[in-house]
Amino acid sequence: MDRIKNGNELEFAVFCIENTAAHLGISAETVYSRLTEQSSILYDYIIPNYEILHTQGKEYIVDDILDVMREKGVLE
C-alpha cells in the first residue's frame, strides 16, 4: 500500500475526494470512507497513479475515479 509521500500527493488526494464528492452530491467524508475504508482505491490506485492522473483534467480524473469505484463495488 503506497502512502502519501509529499504535499503534492496530499493536495491531489484532497482534490480527488472533494471533486468526486461534488460530482456525486455527497459529502467528502463519505467519498473518503469509500476510497479508504470500504476499498483501497486511494492508496492502491489514486496515489500510485498520481504522476499520470494529475496531468489530466478534472472531468477525466473524476470520471476515472467513478469507474474504479464502480469496479470495486463502492458506488451504486
N, C-alpha and C. Protein backbone atom coordinates (compact mmCIF):
# COMPACT_ATOMS: atom_id res chain seq x y z
N MET A 1 0.85 -1.18 0.00
CA MET A 1 0.00 0.00 0.00
C MET A 1 0.89 1.24 0.00
N ASP A 2 0.75 2.05 -1.03
CA ASP A 2 1.52 3.29 -1.10
C ASP A 2 0.87 4.33 -0.20
N ARG A 3 1.68 4.97 0.58
CA ARG A 3 1.21 6.08 1.42
C ARG A 3 1.52 7.39 0.72
N ILE A 4 0.86 8.43 1.16
CA ILE A 4 1.10 9.76 0.60
C ILE A 4 2.49 10.21 1.03
N LYS A 5 3.31 10.58 0.05
CA LYS A 5 4.73 10.87 0.30
C LYS A 5 5.05 12.34 0.44
N ASN A 6 4.18 13.21 -0.10
CA ASN A 6 4.53 14.64 -0.08
C ASN A 6 3.27 15.49 -0.19
N GLY A 7 3.48 16.78 -0.09
CA GLY A 7 2.36 17.72 -0.14
C GLY A 7 1.60 17.70 -1.45
N ASN A 8 2.30 17.47 -2.55
CA ASN A 8 1.62 17.41 -3.85
C ASN A 8 0.64 16.25 -3.91
N GLU A 9 1.06 15.09 -3.42
CA GLU A 9 0.17 13.94 -3.41
C GLU A 9 -1.00 14.16 -2.46
N LEU A 10 -0.74 14.78 -1.32
CA LEU A 10 -1.81 15.07 -0.37
C LEU A 10 -2.83 16.04 -0.99
N GLU A 11 -2.33 17.08 -1.61
CA GLU A 11 -3.21 18.06 -2.26
C GLU A 11 -4.03 17.40 -3.36
N PHE A 12 -3.41 16.50 -4.11
CA PHE A 12 -4.11 15.80 -5.17
C PHE A 12 -5.18 14.87 -4.60
N ALA A 13 -4.87 14.18 -3.51
CA ALA A 13 -5.85 13.29 -2.87
C ALA A 13 -7.07 14.08 -2.42
N VAL A 14 -6.84 15.24 -1.81
CA VAL A 14 -7.94 16.10 -1.37
C VAL A 14 -8.74 16.58 -2.57
N PHE A 15 -8.05 16.99 -3.63
CA PHE A 15 -8.71 17.42 -4.87
C PHE A 15 -9.63 16.31 -5.39
N CYS A 16 -9.10 15.09 -5.46
CA CYS A 16 -9.89 13.96 -5.96
C CYS A 16 -11.12 13.71 -5.10
N ILE A 17 -10.94 13.69 -3.81
CA ILE A 17 -12.04 13.42 -2.89
C ILE A 17 -13.10 14.51 -2.99
N GLU A 18 -12.69 15.76 -2.92
CA GLU A 18 -13.65 16.87 -2.95
C GLU A 18 -14.40 16.95 -4.27
N ASN A 19 -13.71 16.76 -5.38
CA ASN A 19 -14.37 16.87 -6.68
C ASN A 19 -15.26 15.67 -6.98
N THR A 20 -14.88 14.51 -6.52
CA THR A 20 -15.74 13.33 -6.67
C THR A 20 -16.99 13.51 -5.83
N ALA A 21 -16.84 14.01 -4.61
CA ALA A 21 -17.98 14.26 -3.74
C ALA A 21 -18.92 15.28 -4.36
N ALA A 22 -18.38 16.36 -4.89
CA ALA A 22 -19.20 17.39 -5.52
C ALA A 22 -19.97 16.82 -6.71
N HIS A 23 -19.30 16.00 -7.50
CA HIS A 23 -19.96 15.39 -8.66
C HIS A 23 -21.11 14.48 -8.24
N LEU A 24 -20.91 13.73 -7.15
CA LEU A 24 -21.92 12.79 -6.68
C LEU A 24 -22.98 13.46 -5.80
N GLY A 25 -22.70 14.67 -5.33
CA GLY A 25 -23.63 15.36 -4.44
C GLY A 25 -23.68 14.73 -3.06
N ILE A 26 -22.53 14.20 -2.60
CA ILE A 26 -22.43 13.61 -1.27
C ILE A 26 -21.25 14.25 -0.55
N SER A 27 -21.10 13.95 0.71
CA SER A 27 -20.03 14.58 1.49
C SER A 27 -18.66 14.01 1.14
N ALA A 28 -17.65 14.84 1.33
CA ALA A 28 -16.27 14.40 1.13
C ALA A 28 -15.93 13.27 2.10
N GLU A 29 -16.50 13.31 3.29
CA GLU A 29 -16.26 12.26 4.28
C GLU A 29 -16.75 10.91 3.76
N THR A 30 -17.90 10.91 3.09
CA THR A 30 -18.45 9.67 2.54
C THR A 30 -17.54 9.13 1.43
N VAL A 31 -17.07 10.02 0.56
CA VAL A 31 -16.17 9.60 -0.52
C VAL A 31 -14.87 9.07 0.08
N TYR A 32 -14.32 9.76 1.06
CA TYR A 32 -13.08 9.31 1.71
C TYR A 32 -13.27 7.91 2.28
N SER A 33 -14.39 7.69 2.94
CA SER A 33 -14.68 6.37 3.51
C SER A 33 -14.73 5.30 2.43
N ARG A 34 -15.36 5.62 1.31
CA ARG A 34 -15.46 4.65 0.21
C ARG A 34 -14.10 4.37 -0.42
N LEU A 35 -13.23 5.37 -0.43
CA LEU A 35 -11.91 5.20 -1.05
C LEU A 35 -10.88 4.58 -0.12
N THR A 36 -11.16 4.56 1.19
CA THR A 36 -10.16 4.04 2.14
C THR A 36 -10.68 2.90 3.01
N GLU A 37 -11.87 3.05 3.57
CA GLU A 37 -12.40 2.04 4.50
C GLU A 37 -13.15 0.94 3.76
N GLN A 38 -13.92 1.31 2.74
CA GLN A 38 -14.71 0.33 2.00
C GLN A 38 -13.93 -0.27 0.83
N SER A 39 -12.83 0.33 0.48
CA SER A 39 -11.95 -0.16 -0.58
C SER A 39 -10.55 0.39 -0.29
N SER A 40 -9.63 0.10 -1.17
CA SER A 40 -8.27 0.64 -1.01
C SER A 40 -7.90 1.50 -2.22
N ILE A 41 -8.92 2.11 -2.82
CA ILE A 41 -8.71 2.88 -4.06
C ILE A 41 -7.72 4.02 -3.87
N LEU A 42 -7.80 4.73 -2.75
CA LEU A 42 -6.92 5.88 -2.56
C LEU A 42 -5.46 5.46 -2.60
N TYR A 43 -5.12 4.42 -1.84
CA TYR A 43 -3.71 4.02 -1.71
C TYR A 43 -3.26 3.00 -2.74
N ASP A 44 -4.19 2.29 -3.37
CA ASP A 44 -3.80 1.29 -4.36
C ASP A 44 -3.98 1.78 -5.80
N TYR A 45 -4.71 2.88 -5.99
CA TYR A 45 -4.93 3.37 -7.36
C TYR A 45 -4.58 4.85 -7.51
N ILE A 46 -5.21 5.71 -6.72
CA ILE A 46 -5.04 7.16 -6.92
C ILE A 46 -3.60 7.60 -6.65
N ILE A 47 -3.06 7.27 -5.48
CA ILE A 47 -1.70 7.72 -5.14
C ILE A 47 -0.65 7.06 -6.04
N PRO A 48 -0.69 5.74 -6.29
CA PRO A 48 0.32 5.16 -7.19
C PRO A 48 0.28 5.73 -8.61
N ASN A 49 -0.89 6.21 -9.04
CA ASN A 49 -1.03 6.76 -10.38
C ASN A 49 -1.02 8.29 -10.39
N TYR A 50 -0.56 8.89 -9.31
CA TYR A 50 -0.53 10.35 -9.20
C TYR A 50 0.17 11.00 -10.39
N GLU A 51 1.35 10.50 -10.76
CA GLU A 51 2.14 11.13 -11.83
C GLU A 51 1.36 11.21 -13.14
N ILE A 52 0.56 10.20 -13.43
CA ILE A 52 -0.24 10.20 -14.66
C ILE A 52 -1.52 11.01 -14.47
N LEU A 53 -2.24 10.72 -13.38
CA LEU A 53 -3.55 11.33 -13.18
C LEU A 53 -3.51 12.85 -13.02
N HIS A 54 -2.50 13.36 -12.30
CA HIS A 54 -2.52 14.79 -12.01
C HIS A 54 -2.30 15.65 -13.25
N THR A 55 -1.91 15.04 -14.35
CA THR A 55 -1.73 15.80 -15.59
C THR A 55 -3.03 15.91 -16.39
N GLN A 56 -4.07 15.21 -15.95
CA GLN A 56 -5.34 15.18 -16.67
C GLN A 56 -6.27 16.29 -16.16
N GLY A 57 -7.34 16.51 -16.87
CA GLY A 57 -8.33 17.50 -16.46
C GLY A 57 -9.23 16.95 -15.36
N LYS A 58 -9.90 17.85 -14.68
CA LYS A 58 -10.76 17.47 -13.56
C LYS A 58 -11.83 16.46 -13.96
N GLU A 59 -12.49 16.69 -15.09
CA GLU A 59 -13.57 15.79 -15.52
C GLU A 59 -13.03 14.38 -15.78
N TYR A 60 -11.88 14.27 -16.42
CA TYR A 60 -11.27 12.97 -16.68
C TYR A 60 -10.95 12.26 -15.36
N ILE A 61 -10.34 13.00 -14.44
CA ILE A 61 -9.95 12.41 -13.15
C ILE A 61 -11.18 11.90 -12.40
N VAL A 62 -12.20 12.72 -12.30
CA VAL A 62 -13.42 12.31 -11.57
C VAL A 62 -14.06 11.11 -12.26
N ASP A 63 -14.20 11.14 -13.58
CA ASP A 63 -14.78 10.01 -14.30
C ASP A 63 -13.97 8.73 -14.09
N ASP A 64 -12.66 8.85 -14.09
CA ASP A 64 -11.79 7.70 -13.87
C ASP A 64 -12.00 7.13 -12.47
N ILE A 65 -12.06 7.99 -11.47
CA ILE A 65 -12.28 7.54 -10.10
C ILE A 65 -13.65 6.87 -9.98
N LEU A 66 -14.66 7.45 -10.60
CA LEU A 66 -16.01 6.86 -10.56
C LEU A 66 -16.00 5.46 -11.18
N ASP A 67 -15.28 5.30 -12.29
CA ASP A 67 -15.17 3.98 -12.92
C ASP A 67 -14.54 2.96 -11.97
N VAL A 68 -13.47 3.36 -11.31
CA VAL A 68 -12.79 2.46 -10.38
C VAL A 68 -13.71 2.15 -9.19
N MET A 69 -14.43 3.15 -8.70
CA MET A 69 -15.36 2.93 -7.59
C MET A 69 -16.43 1.93 -7.98
N ARG A 70 -16.93 2.02 -9.20
CA ARG A 70 -17.93 1.06 -9.68
C ARG A 70 -17.34 -0.35 -9.75
N GLU A 71 -16.13 -0.46 -10.28
CA GLU A 71 -15.45 -1.75 -10.38
C GLU A 71 -15.27 -2.39 -9.02
N LYS A 72 -14.99 -1.57 -8.01
CA LYS A 72 -14.74 -2.09 -6.66
C LYS A 72 -16.01 -2.24 -5.84
N GLY A 73 -17.15 -1.85 -6.42
CA GLY A 73 -18.42 -2.03 -5.74
C GLY A 73 -18.72 -1.05 -4.64
N VAL A 74 -18.11 0.14 -4.69
CA VAL A 74 -18.37 1.14 -3.65
C VAL A 74 -19.16 2.34 -4.20
N LEU A 75 -19.74 2.14 -5.38
CA LEU A 75 -20.58 3.17 -5.98
C LEU A 75 -21.78 2.48 -6.61
N GLU A 76 -22.96 2.93 -6.21
CA GLU A 76 -24.18 2.31 -6.72
C GLU A 76 -24.36 2.61 -8.18
